[in-house]
């Protein structure tokens, strides 16, 4: 058996699911451990089934403890059952470990697995699984109609929790967005901007743009709709956020321009960088 431990917000869940599906295509018994969400206070809990209607093969709480719990009784059980060396934790952010896709032995995997190489060979299947099917509110449908009619560019600006986050904060400031906008305006005729943010006041004060629409009302369990609307835009400017990464990746426009930050996390190693498709622009 192989088990993927899920935790984090929607974007992280989508990366974990993509590895889960890759392993399911190679091995007969692959399951998900969702027990971490039992006492997880952030974001909206586990969302994939509700948003996309995907079916997750889940392990029991006992199986979760058997592989993951560090208490003496479970460590003893792991030794008795020959499961002592099954735990694998992601070693480096955004890296690709080919052995995970090739090793046929029992394994328990904890990490975010944010690298395209884990699921590039099943990209069409992943796109099919991540379809937004729920009907939109009148307000969101009107935005979607505009997005489809115009030369639309989404801009995702995440502040909120990022302002004090030691790993992710302070990287996509005004200078980054100015550079990204200059690139878009130099390469796209008559763009219309759709700005998605948890801090619209900052956006209106700092981004002096013509032809722009601000979207800030999708909150709580409806937050995913921002990803849906961004993915429908013809082009994307993303933040250092797996949420807007997925919006851009799901964008079906074959001629899309996607601009993302070169530095994704505050890390001493400059080679620790988010995995981008080859045609995306890093600034």
C-alpha atoms as a PDB file:
ATOM      1  CA  UNK A   1       0.000   0.000   0.000  1.00  0.00           C
ATOM      2  CA  UNK A   2       1.019   3.589  -0.647  1.00  0.00           C
ATOM      3  CA  UNK A   3      -0.421   6.484   1.375  1.00  0.00           C
ATOM      4  CA  UNK A   4      -0.265  10.220   0.657  1.00  0.00           C
ATOM      5  CA  UNK A   5      -0.770  12.476   3.667  1.00  0.00           C
ATOM      6  CA  UNK A   6      -2.853  15.535   2.767  1.00  0.00           C
ATOM      7  CA  UNK A   7      -2.652  18.857   4.557  1.00  0.00           C
ATOM      8  CA  UNK A   8      -2.783  22.554   3.669  1.00  0.00           C
ATOM      9  CA  UNK A   9      -5.080  24.748   1.614  1.00  0.00           C
ATOM     10  CA  UNK A  10      -6.656  24.071  -1.748  1.00  0.00           C
ATOM     11  CA  UNK A  11      -3.553  24.632  -3.888  1.00  0.00           C
ATOM     12  CA  UNK A  12      -1.459  22.291  -1.751  1.00  0.00           C
ATOM     13  CA  UNK A  13      -4.214  19.676  -1.812  1.00  0.00           C
ATOM     14  CA  UNK A  14      -4.208  19.816  -5.607  1.00  0.00           C
ATOM     15  CA  UNK A  15      -0.475  19.072  -5.754  1.00  0.00           C
ATOM     16  CA  UNK A  16      -0.848  16.223  -3.260  1.00  0.00           C
ATOM     17  CA  UNK A  17      -3.786  14.825  -5.227  1.00  0.00           C
ATOM     18  CA  UNK A  18      -1.741  14.960  -8.430  1.00  0.00           C
ATOM     19  CA  UNK A  19       0.940  12.747  -6.885  1.00  0.00           C
ATOM     20  CA  UNK A  20      -1.807  10.510  -5.478  1.00  0.00           C
ATOM     21  CA  UNK A  21      -3.224  10.064  -9.003  1.00  0.00           C
ATOM     22  CA  UNK A  22       0.216   9.467 -10.506  1.00  0.00           C
ATOM     23  CA  UNK A  23       0.837   6.676  -8.028  1.00  0.00           C
ATOM     24  CA  UNK A  24      -2.630   5.222  -8.665  1.00  0.00           C
ATOM     25  CA  UNK A  25      -1.715   4.924 -12.326  1.00  0.00           C
ATOM     26  CA  UNK A  26       1.339   2.835 -11.402  1.00  0.00           C
ATOM     27  CA  UNK A  27       0.431   0.840  -8.304  1.00  0.00           C
ATOM     28  CA  UNK A  28      -2.681  -1.122  -7.234  1.00  0.00           C
ATOM     29  CA  UNK A  29      -3.339   0.156  -3.713  1.00  0.00           C
ATOM     30  CA  UNK A  30      -2.931   3.919  -3.193  1.00  0.00           C
ATOM     31  CA  UNK A  31      -4.824   5.795  -0.492  1.00  0.00           C
ATOM     32  CA  UNK A  32      -5.032   9.216   1.147  1.00  0.00           C
ATOM     33  CA  UNK A  33      -4.575  10.119   4.789  1.00  0.00           C
ATOM     34  CA  UNK A  34      -6.867  13.017   5.708  1.00  0.00           C
ATOM     35  CA  UNK A  35      -6.569  12.649   9.479  1.00  0.00           C
ATOM     36  CA  UNK A  36      -4.512  15.841   9.766  1.00  0.00           C
ATOM     37  CA  UNK A  37      -7.658  17.843   8.975  1.00  0.00           C
ATOM     38  CA  UNK A  38      -9.370  16.678  12.159  1.00  0.00           C
ATOM     39  CA  UNK A  39      -7.718  19.484  14.105  1.00  0.00           C
ATOM     40  CA  UNK A  40      -6.546  21.760  11.289  1.00  0.00           C
ATOM     41  CA  UNK A  41      -7.711  25.366  11.910  1.00  0.00           C
ATOM     42  CA  UNK A  42      -6.518  27.002   8.681  1.00  0.00           C
ATOM     43  CA  UNK A  43      -8.193  27.597   5.311  1.00  0.00           C
ATOM     44  CA  UNK A  44     -11.355  25.546   4.695  1.00  0.00           C
ATOM     45  CA  UNK A  45     -10.261  22.041   5.566  1.00  0.00           C
ATOM     46  CA  UNK A  46     -10.182  19.338   2.911  1.00  0.00           C
ATOM     47  CA  UNK A  47     -11.980  20.758  -0.126  1.00  0.00           C
ATOM     48  CA  UNK A  48     -11.213  18.637  -3.187  1.00  0.00           C
ATOM     49  CA  UNK A  49     -14.250  16.374  -3.007  1.00  0.00           C
ATOM     50  CA  UNK A  50     -16.703  19.239  -2.511  1.00  0.00           C
ATOM     51  CA  UNK A  51     -15.240  21.511  -5.189  1.00  0.00           C
ATOM     52  CA  UNK A  52     -14.312  19.046  -7.926  1.00  0.00           C
ATOM     53  CA  UNK A  53     -16.347  15.969  -7.039  1.00  0.00           C
ATOM     54  CA  UNK A  54     -13.271  13.726  -7.088  1.00  0.00           C
ATOM     55  CA  UNK A  55     -13.362  10.520  -5.085  1.00  0.00           C
ATOM     56  CA  UNK A  56     -10.593   9.936  -2.559  1.00  0.00           C
ATOM     57  CA  UNK A  57      -9.758   6.459  -1.244  1.00  0.00           C
ATOM     58  CA  UNK A  58      -9.096   7.216   2.435  1.00  0.00           C
ATOM     59  CA  UNK A  59      -7.275   5.279   5.143  1.00  0.00           C
ATOM     60  CA  UNK A  60      -8.741   4.729   8.600  1.00  0.00           C
ATOM     61  CA  UNK A  61      -7.537   6.611  11.661  1.00  0.00           C
ATOM     62  CA  UNK A  62      -5.789   3.421  12.829  1.00  0.00           C
ATOM     63  CA  UNK A  63      -3.874   3.090   9.564  1.00  0.00           C
ATOM     64  CA  UNK A  64      -2.943   6.773   9.732  1.00  0.00           C
ATOM     65  CA  UNK A  65      -1.559   6.296  13.236  1.00  0.00           C
ATOM     66  CA  UNK A  66       0.199   3.097  12.227  1.00  0.00           C
ATOM     67  CA  UNK A  67       2.257   4.899   9.585  1.00  0.00           C
ATOM     68  CA  UNK A  68       2.518   8.413  11.034  1.00  0.00           C
ATOM     69  CA  UNK A  69       2.062   8.476  14.809  1.00  0.00           C
ATOM     70  CA  UNK A  70       5.301   8.706  16.803  1.00  0.00           C
ATOM     71  CA  UNK A  71       3.940   7.189  20.017  1.00  0.00           C
ATOM     72  CA  UNK A  72       5.763   4.146  21.328  1.00  0.00           C
ATOM     73  CA  UNK A  73       2.927   1.701  20.668  1.00  0.00           C
ATOM     74  CA  UNK A  74       2.784   2.602  16.963  1.00  0.00           C
ATOM     75  CA  UNK A  75       6.564   2.551  16.585  1.00  0.00           C
ATOM     76  CA  UNK A  76       6.504  -0.938  18.095  1.00  0.00           C
ATOM     77  CA  UNK A  77       3.752  -2.021  15.701  1.00  0.00           C
ATOM     78  CA  UNK A  78       5.714  -0.687  12.731  1.00  0.00           C
ATOM     79  CA  UNK A  79       8.686  -2.836  13.735  1.00  0.00           C
ATOM     80  CA  UNK A  80       6.519  -5.912  14.199  1.00  0.00           C
ATOM     81  CA  UNK A  81       4.719  -5.437  10.846  1.00  0.00           C
ATOM     82  CA  UNK A  82       7.844  -4.566   8.878  1.00  0.00           C
ATOM     83  CA  UNK A  83       6.761  -0.955   8.272  1.00  0.00           C
ATOM     84  CA  UNK A  84       9.663   0.735  10.030  1.00  0.00           C
ATOM     85  CA  UNK A  85      11.168   2.391   6.922  1.00  0.00           C
ATOM     86  CA  UNK A  86       8.011   3.241   5.018  1.00  0.00           C
ATOM     87  CA  UNK A  87       7.853   6.953   5.982  1.00  0.00           C
ATOM     88  CA  UNK A  88       9.174   9.388   3.352  1.00  0.00           C
ATOM     89  CA  UNK A  89       9.170  13.145   3.886  1.00  0.00           C
ATOM     90  CA  UNK A  90       9.769  15.636   1.090  1.00  0.00           C
ATOM     91  CA  UNK A  91      13.414  16.657   1.431  1.00  0.00           C
ATOM     92  CA  UNK A  92      13.553  19.927  -0.506  1.00  0.00           C
ATOM     93  CA  UNK A  93      10.725  22.274  -1.478  1.00  0.00           C
ATOM     94  CA  UNK A  94       9.744  22.110  -5.166  1.00  0.00           C
ATOM     95  CA  UNK A  95      12.174  19.252  -5.890  1.00  0.00           C
ATOM     96  CA  UNK A  96      11.404  16.081  -7.852  1.00  0.00           C
ATOM     97  CA  UNK A  97      12.250  12.668  -6.433  1.00  0.00           C
ATOM     98  CA  UNK A  98      11.917  10.148  -9.244  1.00  0.00           C
ATOM     99  CA  UNK A  99      12.209   7.203  -6.856  1.00  0.00           C
ATOM    100  CA  UNK A 100       8.767   7.982  -5.416  1.00  0.00           C
ATOM    101  CA  UNK A 101       7.158   7.159  -8.751  1.00  0.00           C
ATOM    102  CA  UNK A 102       9.272   4.043  -9.307  1.00  0.00           C
ATOM    103  CA  UNK A 103       9.591   2.343  -5.919  1.00  0.00           C
ATOM    104  CA  UNK A 104       7.036  -0.514  -5.740  1.00  0.00           C
ATOM    105  CA  UNK A 105       7.394  -0.998  -1.984  1.00  0.00           C
ATOM    106  CA  UNK A 106       4.927   0.115   0.690  1.00  0.00           C
ATOM    107  CA  UNK A 107       5.328   3.820   1.440  1.00  0.00           C
ATOM    108  CA  UNK A 108       3.840   6.685   3.399  1.00  0.00           C
ATOM    109  CA  UNK A 109       4.515  10.122   1.874  1.00  0.00           C
ATOM    110  CA  UNK A 110       4.357  13.507   3.589  1.00  0.00           C
ATOM    111  CA  UNK A 111       5.062  16.708   1.692  1.00  0.00           C
ATOM    112  CA  UNK A 112       3.573  19.163  -0.780  1.00  0.00           C
ATOM    113  CA  UNK A 113       5.178  17.676  -3.934  1.00  0.00           C
ATOM    114  CA  UNK A 114       4.980  20.960  -5.849  1.00  0.00           C
ATOM    115  CA  UNK A 115       6.746  19.871  -8.995  1.00  0.00           C
ATOM    116  CA  UNK A 116       5.295  19.325 -12.458  1.00  0.00           C
ATOM    117  CA  UNK A 117       7.317  16.193 -13.070  1.00  0.00           C
ATOM    118  CA  UNK A 118       5.199  14.240 -10.613  1.00  0.00           C
ATOM    119  CA  UNK A 119       2.164  14.475 -12.890  1.00  0.00           C
ATOM    120  CA  UNK A 120       3.189  15.742 -16.347  1.00  0.00           C
ATOM    121  CA  UNK A 121       2.520  12.329 -17.860  1.00  0.00           C
ATOM    122  CA  UNK A 122      -1.112  12.420 -16.673  1.00  0.00           C
ATOM    123  CA  UNK A 123      -1.725  16.157 -17.182  1.00  0.00           C
ATOM    124  CA  UNK A 124      -4.912  15.585 -19.200  1.00  0.00           C
ATOM    125  CA  UNK A 125      -6.341  13.395 -16.456  1.00  0.00           C
ATOM    126  CA  UNK A 126      -5.539  16.008 -13.820  1.00  0.00           C
ATOM    127  CA  UNK A 127      -7.189  18.747 -15.895  1.00  0.00           C
ATOM    128  CA  UNK A 128     -10.258  16.561 -16.282  1.00  0.00           C
ATOM    129  CA  UNK A 129     -10.437  15.947 -12.529  1.00  0.00           C
ATOM    130  CA  UNK A 130     -10.067  19.640 -11.695  1.00  0.00           C
ATOM    131  CA  UNK A 131     -13.213  20.840 -13.466  1.00  0.00           C
ATOM    132  CA  UNK A 132     -15.374  23.478 -11.791  1.00  0.00           C
ATOM    133  CA  UNK A 133     -18.968  22.334 -12.129  1.00  0.00           C
ATOM    134  CA  UNK A 134     -21.050  24.168  -9.494  1.00  0.00           C
ATOM    135  CA  UNK A 135     -23.256  26.984 -10.848  1.00  0.00           C
ATOM    136  CA  UNK A 136     -21.997  30.496 -10.202  1.00  0.00           C
ATOM    137  CA  UNK A 137     -23.819  33.290  -8.434  1.00  0.00           C
ATOM    138  CA  UNK A 138     -25.190  36.076 -10.638  1.00  0.00           C
ATOM    139  CA  UNK A 139     -22.303  38.353  -9.601  1.00  0.00           C
ATOM    140  CA  UNK A 140     -19.617  35.802 -10.450  1.00  0.00           C
ATOM    141  CA  UNK A 141     -21.333  34.771 -13.685  1.00  0.00           C
ATOM    142  CA  UNK A 142     -21.273  38.393 -14.824  1.00  0.00           C
ATOM    143  CA  UNK A 143     -17.529  38.517 -14.160  1.00  0.00           C
ATOM    144  CA  UNK A 144     -17.011  35.254 -16.043  1.00  0.00           C
ATOM    145  CA  UNK A 145     -18.939  36.616 -19.019  1.00  0.00           C
ATOM    146  CA  UNK A 146     -16.697  39.698 -19.094  1.00  0.00           C
ATOM    147  CA  UNK A 147     -13.570  37.555 -18.790  1.00  0.00           C
ATOM    148  CA  UNK A 148     -14.599  35.520 -21.827  1.00  0.00           C
ATOM    149  CA  UNK A 149     -15.429  38.573 -23.937  1.00  0.00           C
ATOM    150  CA  UNK A 150     -12.299  40.603 -23.207  1.00  0.00           C
ATOM    151  CA  UNK A 151      -8.552  40.205 -23.558  1.00  0.00           C
ATOM    152  CA  UNK A 152      -8.570  39.316 -19.877  1.00  0.00           C
ATOM    153  CA  UNK A 153      -5.566  39.203 -17.559  1.00  0.00           C
ATOM    154  CA  UNK A 154      -5.940  37.977 -13.994  1.00  0.00           C
ATOM    155  CA  UNK A 155      -3.767  39.489 -11.266  1.00  0.00           C
ATOM    156  CA  UNK A 156      -3.590  37.616  -7.983  1.00  0.00           C
ATOM    157  CA  UNK A 157      -2.386  39.672  -5.017  1.00  0.00           C
ATOM    158  CA  UNK A 158      -2.190  37.820  -1.744  1.00  0.00           C
ATOM    159  CA  UNK A 159      -1.421  39.842   1.352  1.00  0.00           C
ATOM    160  CA  UNK A 160      -3.350  38.940   4.534  1.00  0.00           C
ATOM    161  CA  UNK A 161      -1.546  35.997   6.153  1.00  0.00           C
ATOM    162  CA  UNK A 162       1.464  36.490   3.842  1.00  0.00           C
ATOM    163  CA  UNK A 163       2.375  39.809   5.467  1.00  0.00           C
ATOM    164  CA  UNK A 164       3.738  38.021   8.543  1.00  0.00           C
ATOM    165  CA  UNK A 165       4.697  34.686   7.004  1.00  0.00           C
ATOM    166  CA  UNK A 166       8.486  34.170   7.346  1.00  0.00           C
ATOM    167  CA  UNK A 167       8.664  31.785   4.379  1.00  0.00           C
ATOM    168  CA  UNK A 168       6.279  33.402   1.881  1.00  0.00           C
ATOM    169  CA  UNK A 169       5.964  37.031   2.942  1.00  0.00           C
ATOM    170  CA  UNK A 170       7.480  40.146   1.404  1.00  0.00           C
ATOM    171  CA  UNK A 171       8.269  38.640  -2.010  1.00  0.00           C
ATOM    172  CA  UNK A 172       5.507  39.886  -4.309  1.00  0.00           C
ATOM    173  CA  UNK A 173       5.440  43.569  -3.562  1.00  0.00           C
ATOM    174  CA  UNK A 174       4.607  46.549  -5.721  1.00  0.00           C
ATOM    175  CA  UNK A 175       7.851  46.332  -7.706  1.00  0.00           C
ATOM    176  CA  UNK A 176       7.093  42.774  -8.829  1.00  0.00           C
ATOM    177  CA  UNK A 177       3.593  43.706  -9.986  1.00  0.00           C
ATOM    178  CA  UNK A 178       4.882  46.766 -11.835  1.00  0.00           C
ATOM    179  CA  UNK A 179       7.374  44.600 -13.733  1.00  0.00           C
ATOM    180  CA  UNK A 180       4.714  41.999 -14.487  1.00  0.00           C
ATOM    181  CA  UNK A 181       2.288  44.651 -15.738  1.00  0.00           C
ATOM    182  CA  UNK A 182       4.964  46.217 -17.932  1.00  0.00           C
ATOM    183  CA  UNK A 183       5.626  42.831 -19.502  1.00  0.00           C
ATOM    184  CA  UNK A 184       1.943  42.159 -20.114  1.00  0.00           C
ATOM    185  CA  UNK A 185       1.280  45.622 -21.528  1.00  0.00           C
ATOM    186  CA  UNK A 186       4.278  45.274 -23.858  1.00  0.00           C
ATOM    187  CA  UNK A 187       3.083  41.949 -25.217  1.00  0.00           C
ATOM    188  CA  UNK A 188      -0.720  42.073 -25.179  1.00  0.00           C
ATOM    189  CA  UNK A 189      -3.004  44.414 -27.070  1.00  0.00           C
ATOM    190  CA  UNK A 190      -5.714  46.185 -25.055  1.00  0.00           C
ATOM    191  CA  UNK A 191      -5.620  44.037 -21.916  1.00  0.00           C
ATOM    192  CA  UNK A 192      -8.437  44.149 -19.387  1.00  0.00           C
ATOM    193  CA  UNK A 193      -7.312  43.386 -15.852  1.00  0.00           C
ATOM    194  CA  UNK A 194      -9.235  41.363 -13.284  1.00  0.00           C
ATOM    195  CA  UNK A 195      -7.678  41.802  -9.856  1.00  0.00           C
ATOM    196  CA  UNK A 196      -8.222  39.142  -7.186  1.00  0.00           C
ATOM    197  CA  UNK A 197      -7.041  40.018  -3.709  1.00  0.00           C
ATOM    198  CA  UNK A 198      -7.666  39.837   0.015  1.00  0.00           C
ATOM    199  CA  UNK A 199      -6.564  43.489   0.239  1.00  0.00           C
ATOM    200  CA  UNK A 200      -8.423  45.464  -2.415  1.00  0.00           C
ATOM    201  CA  UNK A 201      -7.687  48.757  -0.659  1.00  0.00           C
ATOM    202  CA  UNK A 202      -3.940  48.215  -1.196  1.00  0.00           C
ATOM    203  CA  UNK A 203      -4.622  47.344  -4.839  1.00  0.00           C
ATOM    204  CA  UNK A 204      -6.672  50.469  -5.545  1.00  0.00           C
ATOM    205  CA  UNK A 205      -4.095  52.684  -3.859  1.00  0.00           C
ATOM    206  CA  UNK A 206      -1.061  51.183  -5.591  1.00  0.00           C
ATOM    207  CA  UNK A 207      -2.150  49.842  -8.982  1.00  0.00           C
ATOM    208  CA  UNK A 208      -3.181  52.715 -11.202  1.00  0.00           C
ATOM    209  CA  UNK A 209      -4.734  50.827 -14.084  1.00  0.00           C
ATOM    210  CA  UNK A 210      -7.303  51.561 -16.728  1.00  0.00           C
ATOM    211  CA  UNK A 211      -9.753  48.834 -17.657  1.00  0.00           C
ATOM    212  CA  UNK A 212      -9.647  46.919 -14.404  1.00  0.00           C
ATOM    213  CA  UNK A 213     -12.188  45.069 -12.276  1.00  0.00           C
ATOM    214  CA  UNK A 214     -11.677  44.187  -8.629  1.00  0.00           C
ATOM    215  CA  UNK A 215     -12.962  40.886  -7.218  1.00  0.00           C
ATOM    216  CA  UNK A 216     -12.900  40.461  -3.444  1.00  0.00           C
ATOM    217  CA  UNK A 217     -16.239  38.936  -2.408  1.00  0.00           C
ATOM    218  CA  UNK A 218     -15.488  35.212  -2.729  1.00  0.00           C
ATOM    219  CA  UNK A 219     -14.671  34.269   0.847  1.00  0.00           C
ATOM    220  CA  UNK A 220     -14.777  31.235   3.107  1.00  0.00           C
ATOM    221  CA  UNK A 221     -16.094  28.136   1.359  1.00  0.00           C
ATOM    222  CA  UNK A 222     -16.574  30.206  -1.806  1.00  0.00           C
ATOM    223  CA  UNK A 223     -12.911  31.253  -1.988  1.00  0.00           C
ATOM    224  CA  UNK A 224     -12.191  28.650  -4.669  1.00  0.00           C
ATOM    225  CA  UNK A 225     -14.317  30.619  -7.144  1.00  0.00           C
ATOM    226  CA  UNK A 226     -11.441  33.094  -7.482  1.00  0.00           C
ATOM    227  CA  UNK A 227      -9.341  30.216  -8.844  1.00  0.00           C
ATOM    228  CA  UNK A 228     -12.146  29.324 -11.236  1.00  0.00           C
ATOM    229  CA  UNK A 229     -12.427  32.876 -12.549  1.00  0.00           C
ATOM    230  CA  UNK A 230      -8.651  33.356 -12.805  1.00  0.00           C
ATOM    231  CA  UNK A 231      -8.328  30.114 -14.761  1.00  0.00           C
ATOM    232  CA  UNK A 232     -10.868  31.448 -17.283  1.00  0.00           C
ATOM    233  CA  UNK A 233      -8.782  34.564 -17.999  1.00  0.00           C
ATOM    234  CA  UNK A 234      -6.722  34.533 -21.188  1.00  0.00           C
ATOM    235  CA  UNK A 235      -3.512  35.491 -19.369  1.00  0.00           C
ATOM    236  CA  UNK A 236      -2.323  35.448 -15.744  1.00  0.00           C
ATOM    237  CA  UNK A 237      -0.083  37.316 -13.340  1.00  0.00           C
ATOM    238  CA  UNK A 238       0.321  35.071 -10.325  1.00  0.00           C
ATOM    239  CA  UNK A 239       1.539  35.517  -6.759  1.00  0.00           C
ATOM    240  CA  UNK A 240       3.889  33.150  -4.939  1.00  0.00           C
ATOM    241  CA  UNK A 241       0.827  31.087  -4.135  1.00  0.00           C
ATOM    242  CA  UNK A 242      -0.055  27.542  -5.169  1.00  0.00           C
ATOM    243  CA  UNK A 243      -3.653  28.822  -5.451  1.00  0.00           C
ATOM    244  CA  UNK A 244      -2.865  31.150  -8.363  1.00  0.00           C
ATOM    245  CA  UNK A 245      -0.277  28.697  -9.776  1.00  0.00           C
ATOM    246  CA  UNK A 246      -3.113  26.230 -10.305  1.00  0.00           C
ATOM    247  CA  UNK A 247      -5.382  28.916 -11.752  1.00  0.00           C
ATOM    248  CA  UNK A 248      -2.741  29.647 -14.393  1.00  0.00           C
ATOM    249  CA  UNK A 249      -1.977  25.982 -15.048  1.00  0.00           C
ATOM    250  CA  UNK A 250      -5.679  25.213 -15.556  1.00  0.00           C
ATOM    251  CA  UNK A 251      -6.049  28.141 -17.971  1.00  0.00           C
ATOM    252  CA  UNK A 252      -6.804  26.365 -21.297  1.00  0.00           C
ATOM    253  CA  UNK A 253      -5.723  29.242 -23.576  1.00  0.00           C
ATOM    254  CA  UNK A 254      -2.959  27.766 -25.807  1.00  0.00           C
ATOM    255  CA  UNK A 255      -1.501  31.263 -26.322  1.00  0.00           C
ATOM    256  CA  UNK A 256      -1.603  32.351 -22.707  1.00  0.00           C
ATOM    257  CA  UNK A 257       1.098  34.456 -21.114  1.00  0.00           C
ATOM    258  CA  UNK A 258       1.738  33.597 -17.480  1.00  0.00           C
ATOM    259  CA  UNK A 259       4.009  35.777 -15.358  1.00  0.00           C
ATOM    260  CA  UNK A 260       5.194  34.539 -11.967  1.00  0.00           C
ATOM    261  CA  UNK A 261       7.758  35.550  -9.351  1.00  0.00           C
ATOM    262  CA  UNK A 262      11.262  34.154  -9.759  1.00  0.00           C
ATOM    263  CA  UNK A 263      11.678  34.022  -5.990  1.00  0.00           C
ATOM    264  CA  UNK A 264       8.848  31.996  -4.478  1.00  0.00           C
ATOM    265  CA  UNK A 265      10.054  31.594  -0.897  1.00  0.00           C
ATOM    266  CA  UNK A 266      12.473  33.248   1.501  1.00  0.00           C
ATOM    267  CA  UNK A 267      15.245  30.671   1.308  1.00  0.00           C
ATOM    268  CA  UNK A 268      19.014  30.950   1.514  1.00  0.00           C
ATOM    269  CA  UNK A 269      19.457  28.642  -1.481  1.00  0.00           C
ATOM    270  CA  UNK A 270      18.594  30.509  -4.727  1.00  0.00           C
ATOM    271  CA  UNK A 271      18.024  27.181  -6.492  1.00  0.00           C
ATOM    272  CA  UNK A 272      14.978  26.455  -4.312  1.00  0.00           C
ATOM    273  CA  UNK A 273      12.437  27.669  -6.873  1.00  0.00           C
ATOM    274  CA  UNK A 274       8.864  26.823  -7.757  1.00  0.00           C
ATOM    275  CA  UNK A 275       8.377  24.476 -10.700  1.00  0.00           C
ATOM    276  CA  UNK A 276       7.039  26.388 -13.734  1.00  0.00           C
ATOM    277  CA  UNK A 277       6.068  25.141 -17.190  1.00  0.00           C
ATOM    278  CA  UNK A 278       8.755  26.100 -19.717  1.00  0.00           C
ATOM    279  CA  UNK A 279       6.758  28.872 -21.379  1.00  0.00           C
ATOM    280  CA  UNK A 280       5.926  30.778 -18.189  1.00  0.00           C
ATOM    281  CA  UNK A 281       7.783  34.032 -17.504  1.00  0.00           C
ATOM    282  CA  UNK A 282       9.750  34.481 -14.261  1.00  0.00           C
ATOM    283  CA  UNK A 283      10.365  37.994 -12.996  1.00  0.00           C
END
